[in-house]
Protein backbone atom coordinates (compact mmCIF):
# COMPACT_ATOMS: atom_id res chain seq x y z
CA MET A 1 -10.55 -97.00 130.14
CA LYS A 2 -9.22 -100.20 130.44
CA VAL A 3 -8.73 -101.76 133.85
CA ASP A 4 -7.02 -105.45 134.72
CA VAL A 5 -8.15 -106.40 137.82
CA LEU A 6 -5.72 -109.29 139.53
CA GLY A 7 -6.75 -111.73 141.99
CA LEU A 8 -4.56 -114.76 143.15
CA GLY A 9 -6.08 -117.43 141.85
CA GLU A 10 -4.86 -119.87 139.04
CA SER A 11 -6.04 -118.22 136.30
CA LEU A 12 -3.61 -115.16 137.13
CA GLN A 13 -1.25 -117.00 135.00
CA SER A 14 -2.80 -116.22 131.70
CA PHE A 15 -2.57 -112.54 132.33
CA VAL A 16 -0.20 -110.92 129.91
CA PRO A 17 1.00 -107.00 131.20
CA SER A 18 -0.29 -104.42 129.15
CA ASP A 19 -0.63 -100.54 129.53
CA ASN A 20 -3.99 -100.74 131.12
CA PHE A 21 -4.31 -99.58 134.65
CA ARG A 22 -3.86 -102.69 137.00
CA ILE A 23 -5.55 -102.97 140.33
CA GLY A 24 -4.45 -105.99 142.50
CA VAL A 25 -5.48 -107.73 145.75
CA ASN A 26 -2.91 -108.24 148.52
CA ASP A 27 0.09 -109.52 148.03
CA ILE A 28 -0.14 -109.59 143.91
CA HIS A 29 3.07 -107.88 143.67
CA LYS A 30 4.93 -110.68 144.15
CA HIS A 31 3.28 -111.91 140.64
CA HIS A 32 2.93 -108.49 138.97
CA GLU A 33 3.13 -104.80 139.33
CA VAL A 34 -0.17 -103.00 139.94
CA ASP A 35 -0.88 -99.03 140.50
CA VAL A 36 -3.44 -100.01 142.92
CA VAL A 37 -3.39 -102.82 145.37
CA VAL A 38 -6.70 -103.53 147.47
CA CYS A 39 -6.94 -105.57 151.02
CA VAL A 40 -9.89 -106.01 152.92
CA ASP A 41 -8.38 -108.32 155.41
CA ARG A 42 -7.20 -107.57 158.78
CA ILE A 43 -3.28 -108.07 159.19
CA SER A 44 -3.85 -110.87 161.16
CA ALA A 45 -5.32 -112.94 158.59
CA PHE A 46 -1.90 -113.13 156.72
CA THR A 47 0.96 -115.29 157.41
CA PRO A 48 4.04 -113.21 158.51
CA GLU A 49 5.44 -113.93 155.13
CA ARG A 50 2.66 -112.20 153.43
CA PHE A 51 2.17 -109.73 155.81
CA GLU A 52 6.02 -108.58 155.16
CA SER A 53 5.28 -108.96 151.05
CA ILE A 54 2.55 -106.45 151.39
CA SER A 55 4.14 -104.12 153.49
CA LYS A 56 7.12 -103.99 151.52
CA SER A 57 5.28 -103.96 148.10
CA THR A 58 5.13 -100.72 145.80
CA HIS A 59 2.10 -99.47 144.37
CA SER A 60 0.43 -96.04 144.12
CA LYS A 61 -2.31 -96.31 146.64
CA PHE A 62 -3.18 -99.24 148.62
CA TYR A 63 -7.10 -98.99 149.80
CA THR A 64 -8.45 -100.91 152.82
CA HIS A 65 -11.26 -99.98 155.33
CA HIS A 66 -8.93 -101.26 158.21
CA GLU A 67 -7.23 -98.33 160.23
CA GLU A 68 -4.34 -100.77 161.17
CA TRP A 69 -2.54 -100.94 157.79
CA LYS A 70 -1.97 -97.09 158.51
CA GLY A 71 1.87 -97.08 159.04
CA GLN A 72 2.15 -100.76 157.88
CA VAL A 73 2.37 -99.84 154.09
CA LYS A 74 2.67 -96.88 151.98
CA ASN A 75 -0.14 -94.39 150.37
CA VAL A 76 -2.99 -96.07 152.15
CA GLN A 77 -6.14 -94.83 151.10
CA MET A 78 -9.28 -95.34 153.46
CA ILE A 79 -12.52 -96.35 152.11
CA ASN A 80 -16.01 -96.77 153.54
CA LEU A 81 -17.49 -100.09 152.75
CA SER A 82 -21.23 -99.47 152.27
CA GLY A 83 -23.68 -102.63 153.10
CA PRO A 84 -25.27 -104.85 153.68
CA ARG A 85 -22.79 -107.25 152.08
CA GLY A 86 -23.25 -108.17 148.59
CA SER A 87 -25.48 -104.90 147.93
CA ILE A 88 -23.96 -102.37 145.21
CA LYS A 89 -25.78 -99.46 147.44
CA GLY A 90 -23.28 -96.81 147.63
CA ILE A 91 -21.59 -97.58 144.03
CA GLU A 92 -22.35 -94.01 143.16
CA THR A 93 -21.22 -92.37 146.08
CA GLN A 94 -17.64 -92.07 147.89
CA ASP A 95 -18.75 -95.56 149.50
CA VAL A 96 -17.47 -98.95 148.43
CA PRO A 97 -19.79 -102.08 148.03
CA TYR A 98 -18.39 -105.00 149.13
CA SER A 99 -18.49 -109.01 149.36
CA ASN A 100 -16.62 -111.39 150.94
CA ASN A 101 -13.13 -110.91 149.15
CA SER A 102 -10.99 -108.49 148.00
CA THR A 103 -11.46 -108.98 144.41
CA PHE A 104 -15.01 -107.89 144.30
CA VAL A 105 -13.64 -104.32 145.95
CA ALA A 106 -11.13 -104.39 143.22
CA VAL A 107 -13.99 -104.54 140.54
CA VAL A 108 -15.90 -102.00 142.00
CA LEU A 109 -12.99 -99.50 142.46
CA ALA A 110 -11.95 -100.26 138.76
CA TYR A 111 -15.36 -99.06 137.64
CA LYS A 112 -14.83 -95.75 140.38
CA HIS A 113 -11.65 -95.20 138.44
CA GLY A 114 -13.72 -94.77 135.14
CA ALA A 115 -13.28 -98.27 133.77
CA THR A 116 -15.28 -98.94 130.35
CA GLU A 117 -13.54 -102.31 130.13
CA ILE A 118 -12.78 -104.63 133.08
CA ASN A 119 -10.29 -107.23 132.52
CA ILE A 120 -10.52 -109.80 135.69
CA PHE A 121 -7.77 -112.62 135.98
CA GLY A 122 -6.84 -114.85 139.12
CA ALA A 123 -10.62 -114.81 140.41
CA ASP A 124 -11.24 -118.21 139.94
CA PHE A 125 -12.56 -119.41 143.38
CA ASN A 126 -11.73 -122.97 142.50
CA THR A 127 -9.33 -123.81 145.24
CA HIS A 128 -9.62 -120.81 147.72
CA PRO A 129 -9.73 -121.98 150.94
CA ASN A 130 -12.12 -119.44 152.32
CA PHE A 131 -14.81 -120.43 149.88
CA MET A 132 -16.05 -123.63 151.56
CA ASN A 133 -19.66 -124.30 152.09
CA ASN A 134 -21.96 -121.69 151.04
CA LYS A 135 -19.15 -118.61 150.71
CA LEU A 136 -18.89 -119.60 147.12
CA GLU A 137 -22.63 -118.94 146.33
CA ILE A 138 -22.53 -115.67 148.04
CA ALA A 139 -19.65 -114.25 146.29
CA LEU A 140 -20.97 -115.45 142.64
CA LYS A 141 -24.36 -114.17 143.59
CA ASP A 142 -22.67 -110.75 144.71
CA PHE A 143 -20.44 -110.67 141.44
CA LYS A 144 -23.64 -111.37 139.50
CA GLN A 145 -25.58 -108.09 141.03
CA LEU A 146 -22.22 -106.11 140.48
CA PHE A 147 -21.61 -107.36 136.86
CA ASP A 148 -25.49 -106.74 136.06
CA TYR A 149 -25.17 -103.37 137.37
CA LEU A 150 -22.00 -102.63 135.65
CA ARG A 151 -22.80 -104.12 132.30
CA SER A 152 -26.34 -101.61 132.50
CA LYS A 153 -23.58 -98.80 132.74
CA LYS A 154 -22.18 -100.14 129.34
CA VAL A 155 -19.01 -101.47 131.32
CA LYS A 156 -17.65 -104.51 129.47
CA ILE A 157 -16.67 -107.11 131.58
CA ASN A 158 -13.86 -109.95 130.25
CA VAL A 159 -13.27 -113.01 132.85
CA SER A 160 -10.36 -115.32 132.33
CA GLU A 161 -10.60 -119.11 131.21
CA GLY A 162 -10.62 -121.16 134.45
CA SER A 163 -12.93 -118.92 136.72
CA LYS A 164 -16.30 -119.55 138.34
CA LEU A 165 -17.16 -115.75 137.59
CA ARG A 166 -17.23 -116.89 133.80
CA SER A 167 -20.59 -118.25 133.95
CA LEU A 168 -21.94 -114.77 134.82
């Protein structure tokens, strides 16, 4: 099964909708419809406008580990993040490994949904304000470990042009 994972970075502009299963992050529906939304941030991390956009989105499931999203969005599916951050421990269980960004969790969920090919758009890490100092290196290290694991399971990973993930 092919899964398109959609972040909110610049390369999302290169995404062309297909019949693939789609997993997006946060307020992705402002750009594209998706089957699943992933949000690892607390409600307070969003401006009132972004929160309103997320809470009114339509999707089949909304994955989060924060109870506060219950009653704020439709179809909340609670997940248990397995640590430590960046570890792939728990990937073959009900738990969900995590990093410092929602796209990482979206890629893990793509695998858990049975993806044999994962196409990643908008996970650029070029201008995101949260990736200052060493946070970018942390994300890249975590993604490398995840990609290596997924490739060992014969999952093909495709990353859009312009993303720092392409080097992995």
